[in-house]
Protein backbone atom coordinates (compact mmCIF):
# COMPACT_ATOMS: atom_id res chain seq x y z
CA UNK A 1 -47.44 61.73 -179.47
CA UNK A 2 -48.01 60.66 -175.87
CA UNK A 3 -46.92 57.09 -175.27
CA UNK A 4 -49.34 55.26 -173.02
CA UNK A 5 -47.63 53.64 -170.05
CA UNK A 6 -48.32 49.95 -169.60
CA UNK A 7 -46.19 49.04 -166.56
CA UNK A 8 -46.35 50.41 -163.03
CA UNK A 9 -43.18 50.75 -160.94
CA UNK A 10 -44.05 49.27 -157.55
CA UNK A 11 -42.00 49.46 -154.36
CA UNK A 12 -42.64 47.09 -151.45
CA UNK A 13 -42.17 48.29 -147.88
CA UNK A 14 -41.28 45.38 -145.62
CA UNK A 15 -39.38 42.17 -146.35
CA UNK A 16 -41.21 40.09 -143.78
CA UNK A 17 -43.44 37.04 -144.23
CA UNK A 18 -46.40 38.62 -146.07
CA UNK A 19 -44.11 40.18 -148.68
CA UNK A 20 -42.15 36.96 -149.05
CA UNK A 21 -45.31 34.85 -149.33
CA UNK A 22 -47.32 37.17 -151.55
CA UNK A 23 -46.22 40.65 -152.60
CA UNK A 24 -42.78 40.12 -154.13
CA UNK A 25 -43.95 37.32 -156.37
CA UNK A 26 -47.17 39.14 -157.22
CA UNK A 27 -45.23 42.13 -158.56
CA UNK A 28 -42.94 39.85 -160.56
CA UNK A 29 -45.83 37.88 -162.06
CA UNK A 30 -48.14 40.82 -162.79
CA UNK A 31 -48.52 41.63 -166.49
CA UNK A 32 -48.68 45.41 -165.88
CA UNK A 33 -46.36 46.00 -162.90
CA UNK A 34 -42.76 45.38 -161.95
CA UNK A 35 -40.96 45.05 -158.66
CA UNK A 36 -38.94 48.24 -158.89
CA UNK A 37 -37.77 48.59 -155.27
CA UNK A 38 -37.89 46.91 -151.87
CA UNK A 39 -37.26 48.45 -148.46
CA UNK A 40 -36.55 47.17 -144.96
CA UNK A 41 -34.57 48.46 -141.99
CA UNK A 42 -33.03 45.00 -141.55
CA UNK A 43 -30.19 45.11 -144.08
CA UNK A 44 -29.42 41.40 -143.80
CA UNK A 45 -33.00 40.52 -144.72
CA UNK A 46 -33.11 43.21 -147.41
CA UNK A 47 -30.01 41.80 -149.07
CA UNK A 48 -31.30 38.22 -149.00
CA UNK A 49 -34.60 39.27 -150.58
CA UNK A 50 -32.81 41.36 -153.21
CA UNK A 51 -30.74 38.34 -154.24
CA UNK A 52 -33.90 36.30 -154.76
CA UNK A 53 -36.27 38.84 -156.32
CA UNK A 54 -33.85 41.18 -158.16
CA UNK A 55 -35.51 44.59 -157.74
CA UNK A 56 -33.97 47.55 -159.54
CA UNK A 57 -33.35 49.38 -156.25
CA UNK A 58 -33.08 48.53 -152.57
CA UNK A 59 -33.54 50.89 -149.62
CA UNK A 60 -33.17 50.60 -145.86
CA UNK A 61 -34.73 54.05 -145.39
CA UNK A 62 -38.41 54.45 -146.30
CA UNK A 63 -38.14 58.22 -146.78
CA UNK A 64 -35.35 57.74 -149.32
CA UNK A 65 -37.42 55.19 -151.23
CA UNK A 66 -40.35 57.60 -151.32
CA UNK A 67 -38.03 60.32 -152.66
CA UNK A 68 -37.16 58.15 -155.67
CA UNK A 69 -39.09 59.68 -158.61
CA UNK A 70 -39.23 56.30 -160.36
CA UNK A 71 -41.36 54.84 -157.55
CA UNK A 72 -44.99 55.25 -158.57
CA UNK A 73 -46.77 53.07 -156.01
CA UNK A 74 -46.00 51.46 -152.67
CA UNK A 75 -47.23 48.18 -151.23
CA UNK A 76 -47.20 48.40 -147.43
CA UNK A 77 -46.50 44.95 -146.03
CA UNK A 78 -45.51 45.65 -142.43
CA UNK A 79 -47.12 45.24 -139.00
CA UNK A 80 -50.72 46.46 -138.62
CA UNK A 81 -49.68 49.12 -136.10
CA UNK A 82 -47.48 50.82 -138.74
CA UNK A 83 -49.90 50.75 -141.69
CA UNK A 84 -51.49 54.17 -141.35
CA UNK A 85 -48.28 56.11 -140.67
CA UNK A 86 -46.58 54.49 -143.67
CA UNK A 87 -49.59 55.22 -145.88
CA UNK A 88 -49.62 58.87 -144.75
CA UNK A 89 -45.99 59.24 -145.79
CA UNK A 90 -46.57 57.64 -149.17
CA UNK A 91 -49.51 59.93 -149.91
CA UNK A 92 -47.49 62.98 -148.87
CA UNK A 93 -44.84 61.86 -151.37
CA UNK A 94 -47.49 61.56 -154.11
CA UNK A 95 -47.33 57.76 -154.32
CA UNK A 96 -50.27 55.45 -154.82
CA UNK A 97 -50.75 52.91 -152.03
CA UNK A 98 -51.79 49.30 -151.62
CA UNK A 99 -51.84 48.73 -147.86
CA UNK A 100 -52.20 45.31 -146.26
CA UNK A 101 -55.38 44.59 -144.35
CA UNK A 102 -56.50 45.63 -141.82
CA UNK A 103 -56.19 49.28 -142.81
CA UNK A 104 -55.22 50.21 -139.25
CA UNK A 105 -55.92 49.41 -135.62
CA UNK A 106 -58.36 52.19 -134.61
CA UNK A 107 -61.36 53.81 -136.25
CA UNK A 108 -59.94 57.30 -135.77
CA UNK A 109 -56.61 56.70 -137.51
CA UNK A 110 -58.35 55.02 -140.45
CA UNK A 111 -60.76 57.93 -140.84
CA UNK A 112 -57.91 60.45 -140.65
CA UNK A 113 -56.12 58.63 -143.47
CA UNK A 114 -59.35 58.62 -145.47
CA UNK A 115 -59.67 62.41 -145.05
CA UNK A 116 -56.07 62.99 -146.05
CA UNK A 117 -56.25 60.80 -149.13
CA UNK A 118 -59.55 62.24 -150.37
CA UNK A 119 -58.04 65.23 -152.17
CA UNK A 120 -54.53 63.90 -152.73
CA UNK A 121 -55.07 62.40 -156.17
CA UNK A 122 -53.52 59.17 -154.91
CA UNK A 123 -55.17 55.78 -155.26
CA UNK A 124 -55.36 53.86 -151.97
CA UNK A 125 -56.40 50.21 -152.07
CA UNK A 126 -56.69 47.81 -149.13
CA UNK A 127 -55.10 44.37 -149.43
CA UNK A 128 -58.28 42.30 -149.06
CA UNK A 129 -57.06 39.88 -151.69
CA UNK A 130 -60.00 37.48 -151.31
CA UNK A 131 -62.00 39.86 -153.51
CA UNK A 132 -59.80 38.54 -156.33
CA UNK A 133 -60.69 34.92 -155.70
CA UNK A 134 -62.43 34.08 -159.03
CA UNK A 135 -65.14 32.09 -157.26
CA UNK A 136 -65.97 34.91 -154.87
CA UNK A 137 -65.88 37.40 -157.74
CA UNK A 138 -68.35 35.20 -159.67
CA UNK A 139 -70.66 35.08 -156.67
CA UNK A 140 -70.52 38.89 -156.44
CA UNK A 141 -71.40 39.22 -160.12
CA UNK A 142 -74.44 36.95 -159.71
CA UNK A 143 -75.60 38.82 -156.61
CA UNK A 144 -75.32 42.20 -158.34
CA UNK A 145 -76.73 41.25 -161.74
CA UNK A 146 -79.23 38.46 -161.27
CA UNK A 147 -80.08 37.38 -157.74
CA UNK A 148 -82.39 40.25 -156.84
CA UNK A 149 -83.00 41.08 -153.20
CA UNK A 150 -80.89 39.30 -150.62
CA UNK A 151 -82.68 37.52 -147.81
CA UNK A 152 -79.75 36.26 -145.76
CA UNK A 153 -76.01 35.59 -145.80
CA UNK A 154 -74.04 33.13 -143.70
CA UNK A 155 -70.25 33.22 -143.82
CA UNK A 156 -67.55 31.46 -141.84
CA UNK A 157 -63.78 31.67 -141.51
CA UNK A 158 -62.35 28.85 -139.43
CA UNK A 159 -58.59 28.49 -139.19
CA UNK A 160 -57.39 24.92 -138.74
CA UNK A 161 -55.12 23.23 -136.23
CA UNK A 162 -53.45 21.65 -139.28
CA UNK A 163 -52.96 24.91 -141.14
CA UNK A 164 -49.21 25.17 -140.60
CA UNK A 165 -48.63 21.55 -141.60
CA UNK A 166 -50.22 22.45 -144.94
CA UNK A 167 -48.73 25.90 -145.46
CA UNK A 168 -45.17 24.94 -144.57
CA UNK A 169 -45.24 22.68 -147.62
CA UNK A 170 -46.59 25.27 -150.07
CA UNK A 171 -45.24 28.63 -148.90
CA UNK A 172 -41.64 29.77 -149.48
CA UNK A 173 -39.34 29.06 -146.55
CA UNK A 174 -39.60 32.37 -144.73
CA UNK A 175 -36.42 34.32 -143.99
CA UNK A 176 -36.31 36.23 -140.69
CA UNK A 177 -33.98 38.75 -139.13
CA UNK A 178 -33.25 39.78 -135.52
CA UNK A 179 -32.95 43.34 -136.85
CA UNK A 180 -36.54 43.57 -138.12
CA UNK A 181 -38.71 46.44 -136.86
CA UNK A 182 -41.48 45.18 -134.59
CA UNK A 183 -44.31 46.86 -132.67
CA UNK A 184 -43.85 47.46 -128.96
CA UNK A 185 -44.70 44.46 -126.82
CA UNK A 186 -46.13 41.37 -128.49
CA UNK A 187 -49.48 42.02 -130.23
CA UNK A 188 -50.03 38.28 -130.65
CA UNK A 189 -50.44 37.80 -126.89
CA UNK A 190 -53.88 39.46 -126.90
CA UNK A 191 -55.65 36.69 -128.79
CA UNK A 192 -59.05 38.40 -128.97
CA UNK A 193 -57.51 41.42 -130.65
CA UNK A 194 -54.95 39.58 -132.76
CA UNK A 195 -57.36 37.00 -134.19
CA UNK A 196 -59.97 39.62 -134.99
CA UNK A 197 -57.52 41.91 -136.81
CA UNK A 198 -55.73 39.08 -138.62
CA UNK A 199 -58.61 36.73 -139.48
CA UNK A 200 -61.75 38.71 -138.69
CA UNK A 201 -60.70 41.38 -141.19
CA UNK A 202 -61.04 38.78 -143.97
CA UNK A 203 -64.42 37.53 -142.76
CA UNK A 204 -65.88 41.01 -142.32
CA UNK A 205 -64.69 42.18 -145.73
CA UNK A 206 -66.13 39.12 -147.49
CA UNK A 207 -69.44 39.66 -145.67
CA UNK A 208 -69.53 43.31 -146.77
CA UNK A 209 -68.31 42.57 -150.31
CA UNK A 210 -71.11 40.06 -150.89
CA UNK A 211 -73.80 41.39 -148.56
CA UNK A 212 -73.38 45.16 -148.63
CA UNK A 213 -73.19 47.69 -145.83
CA UNK A 214 -73.57 46.43 -142.25
CA UNK A 215 -75.66 48.53 -139.87
CA UNK A 216 -75.24 46.65 -136.59
CA UNK A 217 -73.95 43.47 -134.98
CA UNK A 218 -74.71 41.32 -131.97
CA UNK A 219 -71.76 39.12 -131.04
CA UNK A 220 -70.74 36.37 -128.64
CA UNK A 221 -67.32 34.90 -127.90
CA UNK A 222 -66.52 31.51 -126.40
CA UNK A 223 -63.07 30.21 -125.43
CA UNK A 224 -62.35 26.56 -124.69
CA UNK A 225 -59.32 24.24 -124.95
CA UNK A 226 -57.26 27.02 -126.53
CA UNK A 227 -59.82 27.71 -129.25
CA UNK A 228 -61.66 31.00 -129.78
CA UNK A 229 -65.09 31.32 -131.38
CA UNK A 230 -67.15 34.35 -132.35
CA UNK A 231 -70.76 34.04 -133.49
CA UNK A 232 -72.06 37.31 -134.90
CA UNK A 233 -75.59 38.24 -135.96
CA UNK A 234 -75.51 40.92 -138.63
CA UNK A 235 -78.14 43.42 -139.72
CA UNK A 236 -77.48 44.77 -143.21
CA UNK A 237 -78.53 48.18 -144.50
CA UNK A 238 -80.52 46.37 -147.22
CA UNK A 239 -82.74 44.68 -144.63
CA UNK A 240 -81.04 41.33 -145.09
CA UNK A 241 -79.72 39.50 -142.05
CA UNK A 242 -76.50 37.55 -141.63
CA UNK A 243 -74.55 35.18 -139.44
CA UNK A 244 -70.75 35.20 -139.19
CA UNK A 245 -68.60 32.49 -137.61
CA UNK A 246 -64.95 33.21 -136.80
CA UNK A 247 -63.18 30.28 -135.15
CA UNK A 248 -59.48 29.86 -134.40
CA UNK A 249 -58.80 27.00 -134.61
CA UNK A 250 -61.13 24.17 -135.61
CA UNK A 251 -60.07 20.55 -135.15
CA UNK A 252 -60.46 19.76 -138.85
CA UNK A 253 -59.24 20.99 -142.21
CA UNK A 254 -59.41 24.66 -143.18
CA UNK A 255 -63.12 25.57 -143.11
CA UNK A 256 -64.20 28.74 -144.89
CA UNK A 257 -67.16 29.61 -147.06
CA UNK A 258 -70.58 31.22 -147.40
CA UNK A 259 -74.25 30.60 -148.18
CA UNK A 260 -76.48 33.29 -149.64
CA UNK A 261 -80.22 33.19 -150.21
CA UNK A 262 -81.84 35.63 -152.63
CA UNK A 263 -84.97 36.48 -154.57
CA UNK A 264 -84.00 34.74 -157.80
CA UNK A 265 -81.40 32.25 -156.66
CA UNK A 266 -78.80 31.20 -154.14
CA UNK A 267 -75.05 30.84 -153.78
CA UNK A 268 -72.96 28.28 -151.93
CA UNK A 269 -69.19 28.72 -151.66
CA UNK A 270 -66.30 26.72 -150.21
CA UNK A 271 -63.06 28.66 -149.87
CA UNK A 272 -59.64 27.04 -149.51
CA UNK A 273 -56.55 28.00 -147.57
CA UNK A 274 -55.36 31.07 -149.51
CA UNK A 275 -51.79 29.83 -149.89
CA UNK A 276 -52.99 27.00 -152.10
CA UNK A 277 -53.94 29.69 -154.67
CA UNK A 278 -57.07 27.73 -155.50
CA UNK A 279 -60.34 29.41 -156.48
CA UNK A 280 -63.30 28.95 -154.19
CA UNK A 281 -65.71 26.22 -155.26
CA UNK A 282 -68.85 28.25 -155.93
CA UNK A 283 -72.20 26.91 -157.03
CA UNK A 284 -74.90 29.34 -158.09
CA UNK A 285 -78.52 28.38 -158.62
CA UNK A 286 -80.52 30.70 -160.86
CA UNK A 287 -84.30 30.46 -160.80
CA UNK A 288 -84.36 32.28 -164.16
CA UNK A 289 -83.09 29.20 -166.03
CA UNK A 290 -83.56 26.57 -163.31
CA UNK A 291 -79.89 25.58 -163.55
CA UNK A 292 -76.83 25.40 -161.33
CA UNK A 293 -73.67 27.15 -162.54
CA UNK A 294 -70.06 26.57 -161.42
CA UNK A 295 -67.07 28.65 -162.60
CA UNK A 296 -63.64 27.08 -162.95
CA UNK A 297 -61.53 30.03 -161.77
CA UNK A 298 -58.33 28.66 -163.25
CA UNK A 299 -56.13 31.66 -162.41
CA UNK A 300 -56.40 32.15 -158.66
CA UNK A 301 -53.13 33.87 -157.74
CA UNK A 302 -55.02 36.38 -155.60
CA UNK A 303 -52.01 38.56 -154.86
CA UNK A 304 -51.02 38.83 -158.53
CA UNK A 305 -54.60 39.61 -159.58
CA UNK A 306 -54.77 42.22 -156.82
CA UNK A 307 -51.63 43.98 -158.07
CA UNK A 308 -52.85 43.86 -161.68
CA UNK A 309 -56.17 45.45 -160.75
CA UNK A 310 -54.38 48.10 -158.65
CA UNK A 311 -52.12 48.91 -161.60
CA UNK A 312 -55.11 49.05 -163.97
CA UNK A 313 -56.79 51.61 -161.74
CA UNK A 314 -53.68 53.80 -161.87
CA UNK A 315 -52.56 53.28 -165.47
CA UNK A 316 -55.94 52.91 -167.21
CA UNK A 317 -58.20 54.82 -164.79
CA UNK A 318 -60.21 51.60 -164.52
CA UNK A 319 -62.78 51.34 -161.70
CA UNK A 320 -61.23 50.00 -158.51
CA UNK A 321 -61.98 46.31 -158.11
CA UNK A 322 -60.33 45.98 -154.74
CA UNK A 323 -61.33 47.36 -151.36
CA UNK A 324 -61.06 51.15 -151.09
CA UNK A 325 -60.57 53.41 -148.09
CA UNK A 326 -64.29 53.50 -147.38
CA UNK A 327 -64.24 49.70 -147.23
CA UNK A 328 -61.22 49.75 -144.96
CA UNK A 329 -62.87 52.15 -142.51
CA UNK A 330 -66.14 50.20 -142.56
CA UNK A 331 -64.31 46.92 -141.89
CA UNK A 332 -62.52 48.54 -138.95
CA UNK A 333 -65.83 49.77 -137.57
CA UNK A 334 -67.34 46.29 -137.95
CA UNK A 335 -64.49 44.65 -136.04
CA UNK A 336 -64.67 47.23 -133.26
CA UNK A 337 -68.47 46.83 -133.08
CA UNK A 338 -68.06 43.05 -132.71
CA UNK A 339 -65.57 43.57 -129.87
CA UNK A 340 -67.88 46.07 -128.12
CA UNK A 341 -70.87 43.74 -128.48
CA UNK A 342 -68.90 40.85 -126.95
CA UNK A 343 -67.97 43.09 -124.02
CA UNK A 344 -71.46 44.48 -123.40
CA UNK A 345 -73.78 41.73 -124.61
CA UNK A 346 -75.73 44.36 -126.54
CA UNK A 347 -76.42 45.04 -130.20
CA UNK A 348 -73.93 47.67 -131.40
CA UNK A 349 -74.35 50.03 -134.35
CA UNK A 350 -71.25 50.48 -136.48
CA UNK A 351 -71.87 54.23 -136.69
CA UNK A 352 -71.52 54.55 -132.90
CA UNK A 353 -68.14 52.90 -132.30
CA UNK A 354 -64.79 54.55 -131.57
CA UNK A 355 -61.31 53.30 -130.72
CA UNK A 356 -59.89 49.89 -131.54
CA UNK A 357 -60.61 46.22 -131.07
């Protein structure tokens, strides 16, 4: 008799902030996964994280971790510039992959990874954890099952000047190391690129998740008093239109959400700072019953829910609920198209773009 496996052995690459804030705890909390191994080149940081999170194995060499037959899947939680190379290695080793967003930093490297993974038999999921916000998931269900044709979608992602005051009180106290592996130069110095990859990747994925495929964008960028703003007009493949607002940082509380107008109803959503692990407040109006509906979304540990869905796809062959490689490539194309439109002042088709932000 074949015993059905119920727990996935997950290894986390990178002991930096995103793993400390999200991935380690997610693997420990997940009902169908366990934190089997962690890896980082900085041995001091690796040892501190091992003391806290108690993985079965620790590695300071990624190749050695991938050679461990007990490792079934890898979460890649390192700098954006290293995502694709690390994912390539994992796939070559026959490991399933959950790679942090954005998938990469250029269209070409993302598409090459997509081609490589296509016939590998490995599951590759992108870490767009907002898809596991119960409020956003409820909005998606209404859009797909009841709303009918979409007329328009407005979405905004506005980081706050007070964000760190809030997050320093709710996130774990991050541990750093002078021995950590970092990209060449300082990617954070190029604010247009850094903010788009870090924050714009969330906004674009939410817009695509709720609105569908994007054909083209027309974008503007304004910079004043240290703040950066992008306004983006979106043309969807469905014929719907959209407006996206990415602002870093607004002089107010965290400001994120969406409004959607459809044939048989509408959706309004307010999304909170993700580190509060609070479901979006979503209100749906259905013209079929003439009523407003609001889900509670009591379990909103997005990172845990993301790992559980990833494990379900691998262990149970369940449909992927998270973003797949196609989504990752499309999000990269959307971000590059926004950057090209800002530079040229023209409408840019996603299908025409190359390179990076």
